[in-house]
Amino acid sequence: MKNTKMPEAPKLSELSFDELTKEEKKRSAAHISFCVIMGMLVGVVIYITIKKGFTAFTPLPLAFMPLYLIILSSWRNARKEIKSRNAK
């Protein structure tokens, strides 16, 4: 099997201001979408737990927390870069 690498995302400091704002909007949309999905997941898990008790689905929201933290961190880094450029 061929060793294929995923293309790396450009560093935020290397992007122009317009590219950076577009990147921040993409990351913001990803964050909001993930929050909506996680909210629905938590609701379903609570419903299932009430109806059937503790099941294999109960800890699922906790399993996705590291992914949420990565998405949140990515979005915050883009916002920090924009703020640092506006301050200059």
PDB file of N, CA and C in Angstrom:
ATOM      1  N   MET A   1       0.838  -1.177   0.000  1.00  0.00           N
ATOM      2  CA  MET A   1       0.000   0.000   0.000  1.00  0.00           C
ATOM      3  C   MET A   1       0.883   1.239   0.000  1.00  0.00           C
ATOM      4  N   LYS A   2       0.468   2.196  -0.746  1.00  0.00           N
ATOM      5  CA  LYS A   2       1.236   3.419  -0.889  1.00  0.00           C
ATOM      6  C   LYS A   2       1.112   4.281   0.358  1.00  0.00           C
ATOM      7  N   ASN A   3       2.197   4.915   0.729  1.00  0.00           N
ATOM      8  CA  ASN A   3       2.183   5.823   1.866  1.00  0.00           C
ATOM      9  C   ASN A   3       1.744   7.197   1.373  1.00  0.00           C
ATOM     10  N   THR A   4       0.488   7.526   1.574  1.00  0.00           N
ATOM     11  CA  THR A   4      -0.027   8.820   1.125  1.00  0.00           C
ATOM     12  C   THR A   4      -0.217   9.716   2.327  1.00  0.00           C
ATOM     13  N   LYS A   5       0.282  10.914   2.188  1.00  0.00           N
ATOM     14  CA  LYS A   5       0.139  11.884   3.272  1.00  0.00           C
ATOM     15  C   LYS A   5      -0.998  12.830   2.946  1.00  0.00           C
ATOM     16  N   MET A   6      -1.691  13.229   3.979  1.00  0.00           N
ATOM     17  CA  MET A   6      -2.721  14.241   3.816  1.00  0.00           C
ATOM     18  C   MET A   6      -2.027  15.583   3.628  1.00  0.00           C
ATOM     19  N   PRO A   7      -2.571  16.430   2.751  1.00  0.00           N
ATOM     20  CA  PRO A   7      -1.942  17.742   2.612  1.00  0.00           C
ATOM     21  C   PRO A   7      -2.076  18.530   3.908  1.00  0.00           C
ATOM     22  N   GLU A   8      -0.997  19.145   4.296  1.00  0.00           N
ATOM     23  CA  GLU A   8      -1.011  19.888   5.554  1.00  0.00           C
ATOM     24  C   GLU A   8      -1.723  21.223   5.358  1.00  0.00           C
ATOM     25  N   ALA A   9      -2.448  21.623   6.380  1.00  0.00           N
ATOM     26  CA  ALA A   9      -3.105  22.926   6.351  1.00  0.00           C
ATOM     27  C   ALA A   9      -2.026  23.995   6.489  1.00  0.00           C
ATOM     28  N   PRO A  10      -2.181  25.092   5.780  1.00  0.00           N
ATOM     29  CA  PRO A  10      -1.169  26.141   5.898  1.00  0.00           C
ATOM     30  C   PRO A  10      -1.177  26.737   7.300  1.00  0.00           C
ATOM     31  N   LYS A  11      -0.014  27.165   7.735  1.00  0.00           N
ATOM     32  CA  LYS A  11       0.068  27.787   9.051  1.00  0.00           C
ATOM     33  C   LYS A  11      -0.682  29.110   9.011  1.00  0.00           C
ATOM     34  N   LEU A  12      -1.333  29.428  10.108  1.00  0.00           N
ATOM     35  CA  LEU A  12      -2.144  30.642  10.158  1.00  0.00           C
ATOM     36  C   LEU A  12      -1.304  31.891   9.941  1.00  0.00           C
ATOM     37  N   SER A  13      -0.079  31.885  10.404  1.00  0.00           N
ATOM     38  CA  SER A  13       0.772  33.063  10.264  1.00  0.00           C
ATOM     39  C   SER A  13       1.195  33.294   8.817  1.00  0.00           C
ATOM     40  N   GLU A  14       1.079  32.267   7.961  1.00  0.00           N
ATOM     41  CA  GLU A  14       1.471  32.398   6.564  1.00  0.00           C
ATOM     42  C   GLU A  14       0.330  32.863   5.669  1.00  0.00           C
ATOM     43  N   LEU A  15      -0.899  32.899   6.185  1.00  0.00           N
ATOM     44  CA  LEU A  15      -2.059  33.279   5.387  1.00  0.00           C
ATOM     45  C   LEU A  15      -2.213  34.786   5.320  1.00  0.00           C
ATOM     46  N   SER A  16      -2.787  35.244   4.215  1.00  0.00           N
ATOM     47  CA  SER A  16      -3.127  36.668   4.132  1.00  0.00           C
ATOM     48  C   SER A  16      -4.334  36.915   5.036  1.00  0.00           C
ATOM     49  N   PHE A  17      -4.639  38.189   5.258  1.00  0.00           N
ATOM     50  CA  PHE A  17      -5.733  38.510   6.170  1.00  0.00           C
ATOM     51  C   PHE A  17      -7.064  37.990   5.628  1.00  0.00           C
ATOM     52  N   ASP A  18      -7.290  38.115   4.319  1.00  0.00           N
ATOM     53  CA  ASP A  18      -8.539  37.609   3.726  1.00  0.00           C
ATOM     54  C   ASP A  18      -8.634  36.091   3.848  1.00  0.00           C
ATOM     55  N   GLU A  19      -7.539  35.406   3.581  1.00  0.00           N
ATOM     56  CA  GLU A  19      -7.525  33.950   3.718  1.00  0.00           C
ATOM     57  C   GLU A  19      -7.744  33.548   5.170  1.00  0.00           C
ATOM     58  N   LEU A  20      -7.178  34.320   6.069  1.00  0.00           N
ATOM     59  CA  LEU A  20      -7.320  34.022   7.488  1.00  0.00           C
ATOM     60  C   LEU A  20      -8.763  34.185   7.950  1.00  0.00           C
ATOM     61  N   THR A  21      -9.439  35.219   7.494  1.00  0.00           N
ATOM     62  CA  THR A  21     -10.847  35.396   7.875  1.00  0.00           C
ATOM     63  C   THR A  21     -11.712  34.278   7.302  1.00  0.00           C
ATOM     64  N   LYS A  22     -11.403  33.831   6.075  1.00  0.00           N
ATOM     65  CA  LYS A  22     -12.151  32.707   5.501  1.00  0.00           C
ATOM     66  C   LYS A  22     -11.907  31.438   6.318  1.00  0.00           C
ATOM     67  N   GLU A  23     -10.665  31.231   6.713  1.00  0.00           N
ATOM     68  CA  GLU A  23     -10.321  30.057   7.517  1.00  0.00           C
ATOM     69  C   GLU A  23     -11.032  30.109   8.868  1.00  0.00           C
ATOM     70  N   GLU A  24     -11.095  31.281   9.467  1.00  0.00           N
ATOM     71  CA  GLU A  24     -11.777  31.430  10.761  1.00  0.00           C
ATOM     72  C   GLU A  24     -13.265  31.144  10.613  1.00  0.00           C
ATOM     73  N   LYS A  25     -13.869  31.578   9.510  1.00  0.00           N
ATOM     74  CA  LYS A  25     -15.288  31.308   9.280  1.00  0.00           C
ATOM     75  C   LYS A  25     -15.536  29.812   9.099  1.00  0.00           C
ATOM     76  N   LYS A  26     -14.633  29.127   8.392  1.00  0.00           N
ATOM     77  CA  LYS A  26     -14.768  27.678   8.221  1.00  0.00           C
ATOM     78  C   LYS A  26     -14.663  26.964   9.561  1.00  0.00           C
ATOM     79  N   ARG A  27     -13.698  27.388  10.363  1.00  0.00           N
ATOM     80  CA  ARG A  27     -13.510  26.743  11.670  1.00  0.00           C
ATOM     81  C   ARG A  27     -14.669  27.050  12.605  1.00  0.00           C
ATOM     82  N   SER A  28     -15.226  28.246  12.496  1.00  0.00           N
ATOM     83  CA  SER A  28     -16.382  28.610  13.300  1.00  0.00           C
ATOM     84  C   SER A  28     -17.588  27.758  12.905  1.00  0.00           C
ATOM     85  N   ALA A  29     -17.784  27.568  11.609  1.00  0.00           N
ATOM     86  CA  ALA A  29     -18.896  26.735  11.139  1.00  0.00           C
ATOM     87  C   ALA A  29     -18.725  25.296  11.598  1.00  0.00           C
ATOM     88  N   ALA A  30     -17.501  24.798  11.567  1.00  0.00           N
ATOM     89  CA  ALA A  30     -17.244  23.431  12.036  1.00  0.00           C
ATOM     90  C   ALA A  30     -17.541  23.316  13.527  1.00  0.00           C
ATOM     91  N   HIS A  31     -17.158  24.334  14.288  1.00  0.00           N
ATOM     92  CA  HIS A  31     -17.400  24.333  15.737  1.00  0.00           C
ATOM     93  C   HIS A  31     -18.895  24.353  16.035  1.00  0.00           C
ATOM     94  N   ILE A  32     -19.623  25.223  15.370  1.00  0.00           N
ATOM     95  CA  ILE A  32     -21.069  25.319  15.606  1.00  0.00           C
ATOM     96  C   ILE A  32     -21.765  24.024  15.200  1.00  0.00           C
ATOM     97  N   SER A  33     -21.381  23.461  14.048  1.00  0.00           N
ATOM     98  CA  SER A  33     -21.983  22.209  13.586  1.00  0.00           C
ATOM     99  C   SER A  33     -21.724  21.082  14.581  1.00  0.00           C
ATOM    100  N   PHE A  34     -20.494  21.016  15.065  1.00  0.00           N
ATOM    101  CA  PHE A  34     -20.160  19.956  16.017  1.00  0.00           C
ATOM    102  C   PHE A  34     -20.942  20.143  17.311  1.00  0.00           C
ATOM    103  N   CYS A  35     -21.113  21.382  17.748  1.00  0.00           N
ATOM    104  CA  CYS A  35     -21.885  21.633  18.970  1.00  0.00           C
ATOM    105  C   CYS A  35     -23.335  21.187  18.812  1.00  0.00           C
ATOM    106  N   VAL A  36     -23.922  21.445  17.648  1.00  0.00           N
ATOM    107  CA  VAL A  36     -25.306  21.030  17.397  1.00  0.00           C
ATOM    108  C   VAL A  36     -25.408  19.507  17.415  1.00  0.00           C
ATOM    109  N   ILE A  37     -24.467  18.854  16.736  1.00  0.00           N
ATOM    110  CA  ILE A  37     -24.480  17.398  16.706  1.00  0.00           C
ATOM    111  C   ILE A  37     -24.273  16.817  18.099  1.00  0.00           C
ATOM    112  N   MET A  38     -23.347  17.390  18.856  1.00  0.00           N
ATOM    113  CA  MET A  38     -23.116  16.910  20.224  1.00  0.00           C
ATOM    114  C   MET A  38     -24.350  17.136  21.097  1.00  0.00           C
ATOM    115  N   GLY A  39     -25.031  18.254  20.915  1.00  0.00           N
ATOM    116  CA  GLY A  39     -26.247  18.514  21.675  1.00  0.00           C
ATOM    117  C   GLY A  39     -27.316  17.475  21.395  1.00  0.00           C
ATOM    118  N   MET A  40     -27.470  17.146  20.114  1.00  0.00           N
ATOM    119  CA  MET A  40     -28.445  16.110  19.752  1.00  0.00           C
ATOM    120  C   MET A  40     -28.026  14.756  20.325  1.00  0.00           C
ATOM    121  N   LEU A  41     -26.729  14.458  20.270  1.00  0.00           N
ATOM    122  CA  LEU A  41     -26.225  13.197  20.814  1.00  0.00           C
ATOM    123  C   LEU A  41     -26.486  13.104  22.315  1.00  0.00           C
ATOM    124  N   VAL A  42     -26.224  14.173  23.027  1.00  0.00           N
ATOM    125  CA  VAL A  42     -26.468  14.182  24.476  1.00  0.00           C
ATOM    126  C   VAL A  42     -27.959  13.974  24.758  1.00  0.00           C
ATOM    127  N   GLY A  43     -28.817  14.640  23.980  1.00  0.00           N
ATOM    128  CA  GLY A  43     -30.260  14.460  24.161  1.00  0.00           C
ATOM    129  C   GLY A  43     -30.700  13.027  23.938  1.00  0.00           C
ATOM    130  N   VAL A  44     -30.187  12.418  22.879  1.00  0.00           N
ATOM    131  CA  VAL A  44     -30.541  11.028  22.587  1.00  0.00           C
ATOM    132  C   VAL A  44     -30.011  10.094  23.673  1.00  0.00           C
ATOM    133  N   VAL A  45     -28.796  10.344  24.125  1.00  0.00           N
ATOM    134  CA  VAL A  45     -28.216   9.493  25.165  1.00  0.00           C
ATOM    135  C   VAL A  45     -29.006   9.608  26.468  1.00  0.00           C
ATOM    136  N   ILE A  46     -29.422  10.801  26.804  1.00  0.00           N
ATOM    137  CA  ILE A  46     -30.237  10.976  28.021  1.00  0.00           C
ATOM    138  C   ILE A  46     -31.558  10.222  27.879  1.00  0.00           C
ATOM    139  N   TYR A  47     -32.181  10.346  26.707  1.00  0.00           N
ATOM    140  CA  TYR A  47     -33.447   9.638  26.464  1.00  0.00           C
ATOM    141  C   TYR A  47     -33.258   8.131  26.571  1.00  0.00           C
ATOM    142  N   ILE A  48     -32.221   7.602  25.916  1.00  0.00           N
ATOM    143  CA  ILE A  48     -31.967   6.160  25.953  1.00  0.00           C
ATOM    144  C   ILE A  48     -31.657   5.701  27.379  1.00  0.00           C
ATOM    145  N   THR A  49     -30.894   6.502  28.114  1.00  0.00           N
ATOM    146  CA  THR A  49     -30.544   6.135  29.485  1.00  0.00           C
ATOM    147  C   THR A  49     -31.787   6.100  30.375  1.00  0.00           C
ATOM    148  N   ILE A  50     -32.692   7.046  30.172  1.00  0.00           N
ATOM    149  CA  ILE A  50     -33.924   7.062  30.969  1.00  0.00           C
ATOM    150  C   ILE A  50     -34.802   5.858  30.626  1.00  0.00           C
ATOM    151  N   LYS A  51     -34.918   5.546  29.333  1.00  0.00           N
ATOM    152  CA  LYS A  51     -35.798   4.453  28.902  1.00  0.00           C
ATOM    153  C   LYS A  51     -35.220   3.069  29.181  1.00  0.00           C
ATOM    154  N   LYS A  52     -33.921   2.876  28.915  1.00  0.00           N
ATOM    155  CA  LYS A  52     -33.354   1.532  28.994  1.00  0.00           C
ATOM    156  C   LYS A  52     -32.283   1.371  30.053  1.00  0.00           C
ATOM    157  N   GLY A  53     -31.906   2.453  30.713  1.00  0.00           N
ATOM    158  CA  GLY A  53     -30.836   2.366  31.692  1.00  0.00           C
ATOM    159  C   GLY A  53     -29.479   2.544  31.020  1.00  0.00           C
ATOM    160  N   PHE A  54     -28.438   2.246  31.756  1.00  0.00           N
ATOM    161  CA  PHE A  54     -27.081   2.415  31.247  1.00  0.00           C
ATOM    162  C   PHE A  54     -26.833   1.427  30.108  1.00  0.00           C
ATOM    163  N   THR A  55     -26.425   1.951  28.940  1.00  0.00           N
ATOM    164  CA  THR A  55     -26.122   1.103  27.781  1.00  0.00           C
ATOM    165  C   THR A  55     -24.751   1.477  27.242  1.00  0.00           C
ATOM    166  N   ALA A  56     -24.380   0.851  26.148  1.00  0.00           N
ATOM    167  CA  ALA A  56     -23.094   1.145  25.511  1.00  0.00           C
ATOM    168  C   ALA A  56     -23.077   2.559  24.925  1.00  0.00           C
ATOM    169  N   PHE A  57     -24.240   3.135  24.662  1.00  0.00           N
ATOM    170  CA  PHE A  57     -24.315   4.478  24.083  1.00  0.00           C
ATOM    171  C   PHE A  57     -24.145   5.584  25.118  1.00  0.00           C
ATOM    172  N   THR A  58     -24.310   5.267  26.380  1.00  0.00           N
ATOM    173  CA  THR A  58     -24.273   6.281  27.432  1.00  0.00           C
ATOM    174  C   THR A  58     -22.960   7.070  27.470  1.00  0.00           C
ATOM    175  N   PRO A  59     -21.788   6.451  27.373  1.00  0.00           N
ATOM    176  CA  PRO A  59     -20.549   7.235  27.432  1.00  0.00           C
ATOM    177  C   PRO A  59     -20.111   7.860  26.095  1.00  0.00           C
ATOM    178  N   LEU A  60     -20.904   7.731  25.051  1.00  0.00           N
ATOM    179  CA  LEU A  60     -20.499   8.262  23.745  1.00  0.00           C
ATOM    180  C   LEU A  60     -20.152   9.749  23.749  1.00  0.00           C
ATOM    181  N   PRO A  61     -20.945  10.620  24.386  1.00  0.00           N
ATOM    182  CA  PRO A  61     -20.554  12.040  24.372  1.00  0.00           C
ATOM    183  C   PRO A  61     -19.166  12.275  24.973  1.00  0.00           C
ATOM    184  N   LEU A  62     -18.801  11.504  25.979  1.00  0.00           N
ATOM    185  CA  LEU A  62     -17.466  11.652  26.563  1.00  0.00           C
ATOM    186  C   LEU A  62     -16.380  11.202  25.595  1.00  0.00           C
ATOM    187  N   ALA A  63     -16.693  10.230  24.760  1.00  0.00           N
ATOM    188  CA  ALA A  63     -15.713   9.742  23.789  1.00  0.00           C
ATOM    189  C   ALA A  63     -15.408  10.792  22.726  1.00  0.00           C
ATOM    190  N   PHE A  64     -16.366  11.676  22.454  1.00  0.00           N
ATOM    191  CA  PHE A  64     -16.163  12.703  21.442  1.00  0.00           C
ATOM    192  C   PHE A  64     -15.618  14.013  22.001  1.00  0.00           C
ATOM    193  N   MET A  65     -15.411  14.102  23.296  1.00  0.00           N
ATOM    194  CA  MET A  65     -14.885  15.328  23.897  1.00  0.00           C
ATOM    195  C   MET A  65     -13.492  15.712  23.391  1.00  0.00           C
ATOM    196  N   PRO A  66     -12.555  14.776  23.208  1.00  0.00           N
ATOM    197  CA  PRO A  66     -11.249  15.187  22.675  1.00  0.00           C
ATOM    198  C   PRO A  66     -11.354  15.827  21.288  1.00  0.00           C
ATOM    199  N   LEU A  67     -12.237  15.302  20.445  1.00  0.00           N
ATOM    200  CA  LEU A  67     -12.445  15.897  19.127  1.00  0.00           C
ATOM    201  C   LEU A  67     -13.009  17.305  19.258  1.00  0.00           C
ATOM    202  N   TYR A  68     -13.944  17.489  20.180  1.00  0.00           N
ATOM    203  CA  TYR A  68     -14.494  18.824  20.413  1.00  0.00           C
ATOM    204  C   TYR A  68     -13.402  19.791  20.860  1.00  0.00           C
ATOM    205  N   LEU A  69     -12.530  19.351  21.743  1.00  0.00           N
ATOM    206  CA  LEU A  69     -11.467  20.222  22.238  1.00  0.00           C
ATOM    207  C   LEU A  69     -10.489  20.598  21.124  1.00  0.00           C
ATOM    208  N   ILE A  70     -10.238  19.694  20.195  1.00  0.00           N
ATOM    209  CA  ILE A  70      -9.367  19.991  19.067  1.00  0.00           C
ATOM    210  C   ILE A  70     -10.011  21.033  18.159  1.00  0.00           C
ATOM    211  N   ILE A  71     -11.298  20.873  17.870  1.00  0.00           N
ATOM    212  CA  ILE A  71     -12.011  21.830  17.018  1.00  0.00           C
ATOM    213  C   ILE A  71     -12.069  23.192  17.693  1.00  0.00           C
ATOM    214  N   LEU A  72     -12.344  23.225  18.984  1.00  0.00           N
ATOM    215  CA  LEU A  72     -12.405  24.484  19.726  1.00  0.00           C
ATOM    216  C   LEU A  72     -11.048  25.181  19.731  1.00  0.00           C
ATOM    217  N   SER A  73      -9.998  24.434  19.958  1.00  0.00           N
ATOM    218  CA  SER A  73      -8.651  24.997  19.976  1.00  0.00           C
ATOM    219  C   SER A  73      -8.277  25.570  18.614  1.00  0.00           C
ATOM    220  N   SER A  74      -8.623  24.867  17.568  1.00  0.00           N
ATOM    221  CA  SER A  74      -8.334  25.330  16.211  1.00  0.00           C
ATOM    222  C   SER A  74      -9.037  26.656  15.924  1.00  0.00           C
ATOM    223  N   TRP A  75     -10.295  26.749  16.314  1.00  0.00           N
ATOM    224  CA  TRP A  75     -11.061  27.976  16.095  1.00  0.00           C
ATOM    225  C   TRP A  75     -10.481  29.127  16.913  1.00  0.00           C
ATOM    226  N   ARG A  76     -10.124  28.859  18.154  1.00  0.00           N
ATOM    227  CA  ARG A  76      -9.544  29.903  19.006  1.00  0.00           C
ATOM    228  C   ARG A  76      -8.206  30.388  18.459  1.00  0.00           C
ATOM    229  N   ASN A  77      -7.393  29.477  17.919  1.00  0.00           N
ATOM    230  CA  ASN A  77      -6.112  29.888  17.343  1.00  0.00           C
ATOM    231  C   ASN A  77      -6.313  30.831  16.166  1.00  0.00           C
ATOM    232  N   ALA A  78      -7.304  30.561  15.335  1.00  0.00           N
ATOM    233  CA  ALA A  78      -7.588  31.440  14.204  1.00  0.00           C
ATOM    234  C   ALA A  78      -8.060  32.810  14.707  1.00  0.00           C
ATOM    235  N   ARG A  79      -8.911  32.822  15.728  1.00  0.00           N
ATOM    236  CA  ARG A  79      -9.376  34.106  16.285  1.00  0.00           C
ATOM    237  C   ARG A  79      -8.227  34.894  16.891  1.00  0.00           C
ATOM    238  N   LYS A  80      -7.318  34.211  17.590  1.00  0.00           N
ATOM    239  CA  LYS A  80      -6.164  34.891  18.190  1.00  0.00           C
ATOM    240  C   LYS A  80      -5.282  35.516  17.123  1.00  0.00           C
ATOM    241  N   GLU A  81      -5.075  34.812  16.018  1.00  0.00           N
ATOM    242  CA  GLU A  81      -4.242  35.340  14.934  1.00  0.00           C
ATOM    243  C   GLU A  81      -4.888  36.579  14.320  1.00  0.00           C
ATOM    244  N   ILE A  82      -6.197  36.565  14.154  1.00  0.00           N
ATOM    245  CA  ILE A  82      -6.895  37.737  13.615  1.00  0.00           C
ATOM    246  C   ILE A  82      -6.764  38.910  14.580  1.00  0.00           C
ATOM    247  N   LYS A  83      -6.974  38.649  15.866  1.00  0.00           N
ATOM    248  CA  LYS A  83      -6.850  39.719  16.862  1.00  0.00           C
ATOM    249  C   LYS A  83      -5.438  40.277  16.914  1.00  0.00           C
ATOM    250  N   SER A  84      -4.429  39.429  16.772  1.00  0.00           N
ATOM    251  CA  SER A  84      -3.055  39.910  16.826  1.00  0.00           C
ATOM    252  C   SER A  84      -2.733  40.776  15.611  1.00  0.00           C
ATOM    253  N   ARG A  85      -3.324  40.459  14.475  1.00  0.00           N
ATOM    254  CA  ARG A  85      -3.094  41.290  13.284  1.00  0.00           C
ATOM    255  C   ARG A  85      -3.857  42.603  13.346  1.00  0.00           C
ATOM    256  N   ASN A  86      -5.007  42.596  13.977  1.00  0.00           N
ATOM    257  CA  ASN A  86      -5.784  43.834  14.106  1.00  0.00           C
ATOM    258  C   ASN A  86      -5.096  44.787  15.106  1.00  0.00           C
ATOM    259  N   ALA A  87      -4.377  44.243  16.058  1.00  0.00           N
ATOM    260  CA  ALA A  87      -3.733  45.064  17.082  1.00  0.00           C
ATOM    261  C   ALA A  87      -2.519  45.794  16.519  1.00  0.00           C
ATOM    262  N   LYS A  88      -1.946  45.290  15.454  1.00  0.00           N
ATOM    263  CA  LYS A  88      -0.728  45.893  14.879  1.00  0.00           C
ATOM    264  C   LYS A  88      -1.011  47.149  14.117  1.00  0.00           C
TER     265      LYS A  88
END
